[in-house]
Amino acid sequence: MATKITEECINCGACEPECPNTAIYSSGTAYELNGKTSDALSNDFYYIVPEKCTECVGSFDQEQCAAVCPVDCCVPDPDRTETEDQLIAKAKKLHADKTFADLSSANSHFRK
């Protein structure tokens, strides 16, 4: 499932640079996906574009936004459930120029 940022966000910005997919944006900032710019998903706090969120599968063993969030507002989005296979496929599509290692406990929280 994609990760989301809840309204408890204090707008500290710690999460944004940690995302390997550039899926996190500050409030009110338009986002880009597949060459198209879209309106911000939140005007009040940082947000995650679900179509770009891979839960860090393929890159890290845990969601990096959640690991650095001081108020624990980066949480799983129950409305966007995805399997490990779906998430790694999304990562490969987002980063077509990158070679991903085989999934393991080092790069997928599903393998812990």
C-alpha atoms as a PDB file:
ATOM      1  CA  MET A   1       0.000   0.000   0.000  1.00  0.00           C
ATOM      2  CA  ALA A   2       1.230   3.478  -0.699  1.00  0.00           C
ATOM      3  CA  THR A   3       2.346   5.556   2.221  1.00  0.00           C
ATOM      4  CA  LYS A   4       0.462   8.738   3.056  1.00  0.00           C
ATOM      5  CA  ILE A   5       1.142  11.742   5.237  1.00  0.00           C
ATOM      6  CA  THR A   6      -1.547  12.509   7.784  1.00  0.00           C
ATOM      7  CA  GLU A   7      -2.785  15.883   8.988  1.00  0.00           C
ATOM      8  CA  GLU A   8      -0.502  15.557  12.011  1.00  0.00           C
ATOM      9  CA  CYS A   9       2.343  16.655   9.696  1.00  0.00           C
ATOM     10  CA  ILE A  10       4.273  19.598  11.155  1.00  0.00           C
ATOM     11  CA  ASN A  11       5.705  20.587   7.745  1.00  0.00           C
ATOM     12  CA  CYS A  12       9.296  20.006   8.872  1.00  0.00           C
ATOM     13  CA  GLY A  13      10.329  18.676   5.447  1.00  0.00           C
ATOM     14  CA  ALA A  14      12.500  15.857   6.775  1.00  0.00           C
ATOM     15  CA  CYS A  15      10.774  13.309   4.554  1.00  0.00           C
ATOM     16  CA  GLU A  16      11.041  14.992   1.181  1.00  0.00           C
ATOM     17  CA  PRO A  17      14.761  14.501   0.434  1.00  0.00           C
ATOM     18  CA  GLU A  18      14.651  10.884   1.679  1.00  0.00           C
ATOM     19  CA  CYS A  19      12.210   9.649  -0.973  1.00  0.00           C
ATOM     20  CA  PRO A  20      13.970   7.656  -3.717  1.00  0.00           C
ATOM     21  CA  ASN A  21      11.072   8.361  -6.087  1.00  0.00           C
ATOM     22  CA  THR A  22      10.606  12.097  -5.587  1.00  0.00           C
ATOM     23  CA  ALA A  23       7.050  11.293  -4.515  1.00  0.00           C
ATOM     24  CA  ILE A  24       6.885  13.772  -1.620  1.00  0.00           C
ATOM     25  CA  TYR A  25       5.975  17.418  -2.108  1.00  0.00           C
ATOM     26  CA  SER A  26       5.493  20.388   0.182  1.00  0.00           C
ATOM     27  CA  SER A  27       2.011  21.768   0.682  1.00  0.00           C
ATOM     28  CA  GLY A  28       0.653  23.669  -2.290  1.00  0.00           C
ATOM     29  CA  THR A  29       3.376  22.459  -4.652  1.00  0.00           C
ATOM     30  CA  ALA A  30       2.283  21.001  -7.976  1.00  0.00           C
ATOM     31  CA  TYR A  31       3.749  17.590  -8.832  1.00  0.00           C
ATOM     32  CA  GLU A  32       5.032  15.997 -12.014  1.00  0.00           C
ATOM     33  CA  LEU A  33       4.238  12.485 -13.237  1.00  0.00           C
ATOM     34  CA  ASN A  34       4.909  11.097 -16.697  1.00  0.00           C
ATOM     35  CA  GLY A  35       5.696  14.544 -18.057  1.00  0.00           C
ATOM     36  CA  LYS A  36       2.438  16.036 -16.821  1.00  0.00           C
ATOM     37  CA  THR A  37       2.153  18.612 -14.054  1.00  0.00           C
ATOM     38  CA  SER A  38      -0.793  18.249 -11.678  1.00  0.00           C
ATOM     39  CA  ASP A  39      -2.199  20.370  -8.871  1.00  0.00           C
ATOM     40  CA  ALA A  40      -1.033  19.778  -5.322  1.00  0.00           C
ATOM     41  CA  LEU A  41      -2.822  17.024  -3.418  1.00  0.00           C
ATOM     42  CA  SER A  42      -2.632  19.084  -0.209  1.00  0.00           C
ATOM     43  CA  ASN A  43      -2.447  22.781   0.499  1.00  0.00           C
ATOM     44  CA  ASP A  44      -1.972  22.265   4.228  1.00  0.00           C
ATOM     45  CA  PHE A  45       0.895  19.803   4.717  1.00  0.00           C
ATOM     46  CA  TYR A  46       3.423  17.678   2.855  1.00  0.00           C
ATOM     47  CA  TYR A  47       1.899  14.940   0.718  1.00  0.00           C
ATOM     48  CA  ILE A  48       2.897  11.780  -1.141  1.00  0.00           C
ATOM     49  CA  VAL A  49       1.822  11.127  -4.731  1.00  0.00           C
ATOM     50  CA  PRO A  50       0.494   7.535  -4.523  1.00  0.00           C
ATOM     51  CA  GLU A  51       1.370   6.753  -8.142  1.00  0.00           C
ATOM     52  CA  LYS A  52       5.019   7.474  -7.326  1.00  0.00           C
ATOM     53  CA  CYS A  53       5.186   5.752  -3.926  1.00  0.00           C
ATOM     54  CA  THR A  54       6.798   2.312  -3.905  1.00  0.00           C
ATOM     55  CA  GLU A  55       7.093   2.041  -0.119  1.00  0.00           C
ATOM     56  CA  CYS A  56      10.824   2.154  -0.938  1.00  0.00           C
ATOM     57  CA  VAL A  57      10.648  -1.448  -2.226  1.00  0.00           C
ATOM     58  CA  GLY A  58      13.703  -2.050  -4.370  1.00  0.00           C
ATOM     59  CA  SER A  59      15.673   0.681  -2.610  1.00  0.00           C
ATOM     60  CA  PHE A  60      15.423   0.272   1.164  1.00  0.00           C
ATOM     61  CA  ASP A  61      14.185  -2.147   3.827  1.00  0.00           C
ATOM     62  CA  GLN A  62      11.707   0.390   5.216  1.00  0.00           C
ATOM     63  CA  GLU A  63       9.871   3.495   4.084  1.00  0.00           C
ATOM     64  CA  GLN A  64      12.422   6.266   4.409  1.00  0.00           C
ATOM     65  CA  CYS A  65       9.827   8.982   5.016  1.00  0.00           C
ATOM     66  CA  ALA A  66       8.466   7.094   8.015  1.00  0.00           C
ATOM     67  CA  ALA A  67      11.981   6.424   9.318  1.00  0.00           C
ATOM     68  CA  VAL A  68      12.818  10.135   9.562  1.00  0.00           C
ATOM     69  CA  CYS A  69       9.413  11.575  10.475  1.00  0.00           C
ATOM     70  CA  PRO A  70       9.582  13.113  13.963  1.00  0.00           C
ATOM     71  CA  VAL A  71       5.814  12.869  14.531  1.00  0.00           C
ATOM     72  CA  ASP A  72       5.097   9.494  12.877  1.00  0.00           C
ATOM     73  CA  CYS A  73       2.651  10.905  10.339  1.00  0.00           C
ATOM     74  CA  CYS A  74       3.946   8.844   7.382  1.00  0.00           C
ATOM     75  CA  VAL A  75       1.684   5.815   7.544  1.00  0.00           C
ATOM     76  CA  PRO A  76       0.345   3.071   5.252  1.00  0.00           C
ATOM     77  CA  ASP A  77      -2.649   4.155   3.182  1.00  0.00           C
ATOM     78  CA  PRO A  78      -5.286   1.415   3.569  1.00  0.00           C
ATOM     79  CA  ASP A  79      -7.046   2.694   0.435  1.00  0.00           C
ATOM     80  CA  ARG A  80      -4.016   1.908  -1.721  1.00  0.00           C
ATOM     81  CA  THR A  81      -3.009  -1.690  -1.067  1.00  0.00           C
ATOM     82  CA  GLU A  82      -0.248  -3.002  -3.351  1.00  0.00           C
ATOM     83  CA  THR A  83       1.807  -6.172  -3.366  1.00  0.00           C
ATOM     84  CA  GLU A  84       5.571  -6.357  -3.361  1.00  0.00           C
ATOM     85  CA  ASP A  85       5.449  -7.358  -7.047  1.00  0.00           C
ATOM     86  CA  GLN A  86       3.316  -4.330  -7.912  1.00  0.00           C
ATOM     87  CA  LEU A  87       5.598  -1.993  -5.993  1.00  0.00           C
ATOM     88  CA  ILE A  88       8.835  -3.228  -7.579  1.00  0.00           C
ATOM     89  CA  ALA A  89       7.191  -3.037 -11.020  1.00  0.00           C
ATOM     90  CA  LYS A  90       6.249   0.574 -10.265  1.00  0.00           C
ATOM     91  CA  ALA A  91       9.817   1.326  -9.128  1.00  0.00           C
ATOM     92  CA  LYS A  92      11.219  -0.168 -12.337  1.00  0.00           C
ATOM     93  CA  LYS A  93       8.833   1.924 -14.417  1.00  0.00           C
ATOM     94  CA  LEU A  94       9.684   5.109 -12.506  1.00  0.00           C
ATOM     95  CA  HIS A  95      13.421   4.418 -12.844  1.00  0.00           C
ATOM     96  CA  ALA A  96      13.702   2.744 -16.237  1.00  0.00           C
ATOM     97  CA  ASP A  97      17.406   3.616 -16.381  1.00  0.00           C
ATOM     98  CA  LYS A  98      18.209   1.891 -13.080  1.00  0.00           C
ATOM     99  CA  THR A  99      19.030  -1.759 -12.433  1.00  0.00           C
ATOM    100  CA  PHE A 100      17.484  -3.112  -9.244  1.00  0.00           C
ATOM    101  CA  ALA A 101      19.013  -5.901  -7.187  1.00  0.00           C
ATOM    102  CA  ASP A 102      16.937  -8.982  -6.485  1.00  0.00           C
ATOM    103  CA  LEU A 103      14.517  -8.311  -3.642  1.00  0.00           C
ATOM    104  CA  SER A 104      15.779  -9.246  -0.215  1.00  0.00           C
ATOM    105  CA  SER A 105      15.466  -8.128   3.397  1.00  0.00           C
ATOM    106  CA  ALA A 106      17.904  -5.324   2.525  1.00  0.00           C
ATOM    107  CA  ASN A 107      15.611  -3.670  -0.026  1.00  0.00           C
ATOM    108  CA  SER A 108      12.057  -4.749   0.783  1.00  0.00           C
ATOM    109  CA  HIS A 109      10.137  -4.595   4.044  1.00  0.00           C
ATOM    110  CA  PHE A 110       8.099  -7.544   2.751  1.00  0.00           C
ATOM    111  CA  ARG A 111      11.176  -9.749   3.253  1.00  0.00           C
ATOM    112  CA  LYS A 112      11.749  -9.042   6.960  1.00  0.00           C
END
